[in-house]
Amino acid sequence: MPNALSPDDPPPTVPLAPFHWDLHAQEASIICSTPGNVNISVFGSVTKYGFEQAVKYLEDLGSQPRMDAGPASCSRVSCSHWTAVFLCNDAKASKTLESWTVVANALKALRDRCGIFPLTDWPLGGQIFYKAGWNVILPLASQAA
């Protein structure tokens, strides 16, 4: 029989699992702009407001994102306030995701890994690659041309 807890014992603790915005993020790899070198990095830094607007815009879309066959088939799906979002298909066949919320969640995963939100309004950009053969790029809009 397990030992009973007494009122003087500290409360039991349970290790917390890492938080993920969605199951897709568990099957992804992320690269970020390098802090301190955002002017020369591939992705640069984006604006906090532009990021928030992109997430809201994508979450409000009602359709399913469809990507043309790849590899490296990319479409700009949002661009506002120095912040661009590209959705890319690296698979040889076209691909449809279940919702735009999946893309918004990819941005949140990038923010969680690359962002410096509490410290600045200029979070770092980056790219998230999913094992299913698609990716999302979050660059400074002027570098997205």
C-alpha atoms as a PDB file:
ATOM      1  CA  MET A   1       0.000   0.000   0.000  1.00  0.00           C
ATOM      2  CA  PRO A   2       1.458   3.428  -0.948  1.00  0.00           C
ATOM      3  CA  ASN A   3       2.434   5.839   1.791  1.00  0.00           C
ATOM      4  CA  ALA A   4      -0.327   8.248   2.735  1.00  0.00           C
ATOM      5  CA  LEU A   5       0.362  11.972   2.595  1.00  0.00           C
ATOM      6  CA  SER A   6       0.269  13.969   5.778  1.00  0.00           C
ATOM      7  CA  PRO A   7      -0.732  17.651   5.955  1.00  0.00           C
ATOM      8  CA  ASP A   8       2.924  18.492   6.601  1.00  0.00           C
ATOM      9  CA  ASP A   9       4.127  16.916   3.341  1.00  0.00           C
ATOM     10  CA  PRO A  10       4.797  19.215   0.390  1.00  0.00           C
ATOM     11  CA  PRO A  11       2.223  18.955  -2.390  1.00  0.00           C
ATOM     12  CA  PRO A  12       3.007  16.310  -4.990  1.00  0.00           C
ATOM     13  CA  THR A  13       4.397  17.568  -8.264  1.00  0.00           C
ATOM     14  CA  VAL A  14       3.928  16.233 -11.737  1.00  0.00           C
ATOM     15  CA  PRO A  15       6.388  17.138 -14.484  1.00  0.00           C
ATOM     16  CA  LEU A  16       4.695  19.249 -17.133  1.00  0.00           C
ATOM     17  CA  ALA A  17       4.890  18.205 -20.752  1.00  0.00           C
ATOM     18  CA  PRO A  18       6.137  20.869 -23.157  1.00  0.00           C
ATOM     19  CA  PHE A  19       3.303  23.002 -24.476  1.00  0.00           C
ATOM     20  CA  HIS A  20       2.702  22.821 -28.230  1.00  0.00           C
ATOM     21  CA  TRP A  21       0.288  24.942 -30.202  1.00  0.00           C
ATOM     22  CA  ASP A  22      -0.745  21.897 -32.179  1.00  0.00           C
ATOM     23  CA  LEU A  23       0.311  18.365 -32.972  1.00  0.00           C
ATOM     24  CA  HIS A  24       1.985  19.520 -36.185  1.00  0.00           C
ATOM     25  CA  ALA A  25       4.566  21.507 -34.218  1.00  0.00           C
ATOM     26  CA  GLN A  26       5.795  18.288 -32.634  1.00  0.00           C
ATOM     27  CA  GLU A  27       6.763  17.072 -36.103  1.00  0.00           C
ATOM     28  CA  ALA A  28       8.662  20.186 -37.124  1.00  0.00           C
ATOM     29  CA  SER A  29      12.077  21.783 -37.125  1.00  0.00           C
ATOM     30  CA  ILE A  30      12.582  25.520 -36.807  1.00  0.00           C
ATOM     31  CA  ILE A  31      15.327  27.924 -37.831  1.00  0.00           C
ATOM     32  CA  CYS A  32      15.393  31.500 -36.559  1.00  0.00           C
ATOM     33  CA  SER A  33      17.128  34.737 -37.397  1.00  0.00           C
ATOM     34  CA  THR A  34      20.212  35.158 -35.251  1.00  0.00           C
ATOM     35  CA  PRO A  35      19.735  37.664 -32.405  1.00  0.00           C
ATOM     36  CA  GLY A  36      22.069  40.600 -32.865  1.00  0.00           C
ATOM     37  CA  ASN A  37      22.473  39.853 -36.574  1.00  0.00           C
ATOM     38  CA  VAL A  38      18.915  40.407 -37.785  1.00  0.00           C
ATOM     39  CA  ASN A  39      20.007  42.920 -40.406  1.00  0.00           C
ATOM     40  CA  ILE A  40      22.150  40.352 -42.199  1.00  0.00           C
ATOM     41  CA  SER A  41      20.133  37.223 -41.499  1.00  0.00           C
ATOM     42  CA  VAL A  42      17.903  35.532 -44.030  1.00  0.00           C
ATOM     43  CA  PHE A  43      14.631  36.358 -42.270  1.00  0.00           C
ATOM     44  CA  GLY A  44      15.322  39.603 -40.457  1.00  0.00           C
ATOM     45  CA  SER A  45      12.938  40.696 -37.744  1.00  0.00           C
ATOM     46  CA  VAL A  46       9.218  41.315 -38.070  1.00  0.00           C
ATOM     47  CA  THR A  47       6.909  43.642 -36.157  1.00  0.00           C
ATOM     48  CA  LYS A  48       4.859  42.448 -33.220  1.00  0.00           C
ATOM     49  CA  TYR A  49       1.785  44.215 -34.635  1.00  0.00           C
ATOM     50  CA  GLY A  50       2.312  42.696 -38.089  1.00  0.00           C
ATOM     51  CA  PHE A  51       2.708  39.257 -36.538  1.00  0.00           C
ATOM     52  CA  GLU A  52      -0.479  39.636 -34.495  1.00  0.00           C
ATOM     53  CA  GLN A  53      -2.383  40.866 -37.563  1.00  0.00           C
ATOM     54  CA  ALA A  54      -1.154  37.903 -39.630  1.00  0.00           C
ATOM     55  CA  VAL A  55      -2.265  35.398 -36.986  1.00  0.00           C
ATOM     56  CA  LYS A  56      -5.700  37.028 -36.685  1.00  0.00           C
ATOM     57  CA  TYR A  57      -6.128  37.232 -40.471  1.00  0.00           C
ATOM     58  CA  LEU A  58      -5.226  33.574 -40.971  1.00  0.00           C
ATOM     59  CA  GLU A  59      -7.391  32.380 -38.081  1.00  0.00           C
ATOM     60  CA  ASP A  60     -10.359  34.270 -39.549  1.00  0.00           C
ATOM     61  CA  LEU A  61     -10.085  32.646 -42.993  1.00  0.00           C
ATOM     62  CA  GLY A  62     -12.768  30.021 -43.477  1.00  0.00           C
ATOM     63  CA  SER A  63     -11.336  27.957 -46.299  1.00  0.00           C
ATOM     64  CA  GLN A  64      -8.585  25.347 -46.383  1.00  0.00           C
ATOM     65  CA  PRO A  65      -5.107  26.325 -47.592  1.00  0.00           C
ATOM     66  CA  ARG A  66      -4.172  24.550 -50.817  1.00  0.00           C
ATOM     67  CA  MET A  67      -0.582  24.417 -52.014  1.00  0.00           C
ATOM     68  CA  ASP A  68       0.534  23.664 -55.555  1.00  0.00           C
ATOM     69  CA  ALA A  69       2.927  20.774 -56.130  1.00  0.00           C
ATOM     70  CA  GLY A  70       6.525  21.428 -55.140  1.00  0.00           C
ATOM     71  CA  PRO A  71       9.242  21.216 -54.341  1.00  0.00           C
ATOM     72  CA  ALA A  72       9.715  24.786 -53.098  1.00  0.00           C
ATOM     73  CA  SER A  73       6.292  25.973 -54.256  1.00  0.00           C
ATOM     74  CA  CYS A  74       5.638  29.041 -52.094  1.00  0.00           C
ATOM     75  CA  SER A  75       2.839  31.592 -51.946  1.00  0.00           C
ATOM     76  CA  ARG A  76       2.667  34.741 -49.883  1.00  0.00           C
ATOM     77  CA  VAL A  77      -0.469  34.379 -47.758  1.00  0.00           C
ATOM     78  CA  SER A  78      -0.158  37.528 -45.639  1.00  0.00           C
ATOM     79  CA  CYS A  79       1.824  40.752 -45.746  1.00  0.00           C
ATOM     80  CA  SER A  80       1.259  43.678 -43.413  1.00  0.00           C
ATOM     81  CA  HIS A  81       3.277  46.058 -41.243  1.00  0.00           C
ATOM     82  CA  TRP A  82       6.723  44.813 -42.317  1.00  0.00           C
ATOM     83  CA  THR A  83       5.669  41.213 -41.717  1.00  0.00           C
ATOM     84  CA  ALA A  84       5.192  38.640 -44.483  1.00  0.00           C
ATOM     85  CA  VAL A  85       3.998  35.038 -44.288  1.00  0.00           C
ATOM     86  CA  PHE A  86       4.768  32.441 -46.950  1.00  0.00           C
ATOM     87  CA  LEU A  87       3.231  28.975 -47.131  1.00  0.00           C
ATOM     88  CA  CYS A  88       5.380  26.466 -49.021  1.00  0.00           C
ATOM     89  CA  ASN A  89       4.983  22.918 -50.297  1.00  0.00           C
ATOM     90  CA  ASP A  90       8.094  20.774 -50.636  1.00  0.00           C
ATOM     91  CA  ALA A  91       6.178  17.655 -51.722  1.00  0.00           C
ATOM     92  CA  LYS A  92       5.874  16.666 -55.386  1.00  0.00           C
ATOM     93  CA  ALA A  93       2.070  16.541 -55.116  1.00  0.00           C
ATOM     94  CA  SER A  94      -0.324  19.349 -54.262  1.00  0.00           C
ATOM     95  CA  LYS A  95      -1.306  19.529 -50.616  1.00  0.00           C
ATOM     96  CA  THR A  96      -4.336  20.814 -48.696  1.00  0.00           C
ATOM     97  CA  LEU A  97      -4.197  21.570 -44.970  1.00  0.00           C
ATOM     98  CA  GLU A  98      -7.216  21.128 -42.717  1.00  0.00           C
ATOM     99  CA  SER A  99      -7.532  24.856 -41.933  1.00  0.00           C
ATOM    100  CA  TRP A 100      -5.746  28.191 -41.915  1.00  0.00           C
ATOM    101  CA  THR A 101      -5.528  27.851 -38.140  1.00  0.00           C
ATOM    102  CA  VAL A 102      -2.798  25.270 -38.758  1.00  0.00           C
ATOM    103  CA  VAL A 103      -0.766  27.990 -40.512  1.00  0.00           C
ATOM    104  CA  ALA A 104      -1.520  30.476 -37.714  1.00  0.00           C
ATOM    105  CA  ASN A 105      -0.343  27.858 -35.220  1.00  0.00           C
ATOM    106  CA  ALA A 106       2.889  27.498 -37.187  1.00  0.00           C
ATOM    107  CA  LEU A 107       3.439  31.232 -36.701  1.00  0.00           C
ATOM    108  CA  LYS A 108       2.819  30.841 -32.972  1.00  0.00           C
ATOM    109  CA  ALA A 109       5.374  28.020 -32.848  1.00  0.00           C
ATOM    110  CA  LEU A 110       7.866  30.315 -34.607  1.00  0.00           C
ATOM    111  CA  ARG A 111       7.108  33.072 -32.103  1.00  0.00           C
ATOM    112  CA  ASP A 112       7.595  30.690 -29.199  1.00  0.00           C
ATOM    113  CA  ARG A 113      10.962  29.494 -30.522  1.00  0.00           C
ATOM    114  CA  CYS A 114      12.294  32.612 -32.260  1.00  0.00           C
ATOM    115  CA  GLY A 115      10.428  35.467 -30.635  1.00  0.00           C
ATOM    116  CA  ILE A 116      11.600  37.969 -28.115  1.00  0.00           C
ATOM    117  CA  PHE A 117       8.145  39.474 -27.588  1.00  0.00           C
ATOM    118  CA  PRO A 118       8.304  40.521 -23.946  1.00  0.00           C
ATOM    119  CA  LEU A 119      11.477  42.466 -24.608  1.00  0.00           C
ATOM    120  CA  THR A 120      10.787  44.194 -27.908  1.00  0.00           C
ATOM    121  CA  ASP A 121       8.213  44.923 -30.575  1.00  0.00           C
ATOM    122  CA  TRP A 122      10.621  43.513 -33.174  1.00  0.00           C
ATOM    123  CA  PRO A 123      10.529  39.713 -32.867  1.00  0.00           C
ATOM    124  CA  LEU A 124      12.816  37.593 -34.985  1.00  0.00           C
ATOM    125  CA  GLY A 125      11.692  35.943 -38.193  1.00  0.00           C
ATOM    126  CA  GLY A 126      12.206  32.305 -39.068  1.00  0.00           C
ATOM    127  CA  GLN A 127      11.047  29.214 -40.911  1.00  0.00           C
ATOM    128  CA  ILE A 128       9.282  26.105 -39.638  1.00  0.00           C
ATOM    129  CA  PHE A 129       9.570  22.836 -41.590  1.00  0.00           C
ATOM    130  CA  TYR A 130       7.038  20.043 -41.117  1.00  0.00           C
ATOM    131  CA  LYS A 131       7.876  16.389 -41.739  1.00  0.00           C
ATOM    132  CA  ALA A 132       4.716  16.193 -43.864  1.00  0.00           C
ATOM    133  CA  GLY A 133       6.561  18.225 -46.524  1.00  0.00           C
ATOM    134  CA  TRP A 134       5.350  21.788 -46.036  1.00  0.00           C
ATOM    135  CA  ASN A 135       6.751  24.852 -44.314  1.00  0.00           C
ATOM    136  CA  VAL A 136       5.968  28.406 -43.274  1.00  0.00           C
ATOM    137  CA  ILE A 137       8.360  31.337 -43.646  1.00  0.00           C
ATOM    138  CA  LEU A 138       8.065  34.476 -41.498  1.00  0.00           C
ATOM    139  CA  PRO A 139      10.406  37.160 -42.913  1.00  0.00           C
ATOM    140  CA  LEU A 140      10.660  40.918 -42.703  1.00  0.00           C
ATOM    141  CA  ALA A 141       8.401  42.082 -45.563  1.00  0.00           C
ATOM    142  CA  SER A 142      11.145  44.054 -47.336  1.00  0.00           C
ATOM    143  CA  GLN A 143      13.210  40.837 -47.507  1.00  0.00           C
ATOM    144  CA  ALA A 144      10.300  38.854 -48.919  1.00  0.00           C
ATOM    145  CA  ALA A 145      10.266  40.324 -52.415  1.00  0.00           C
END
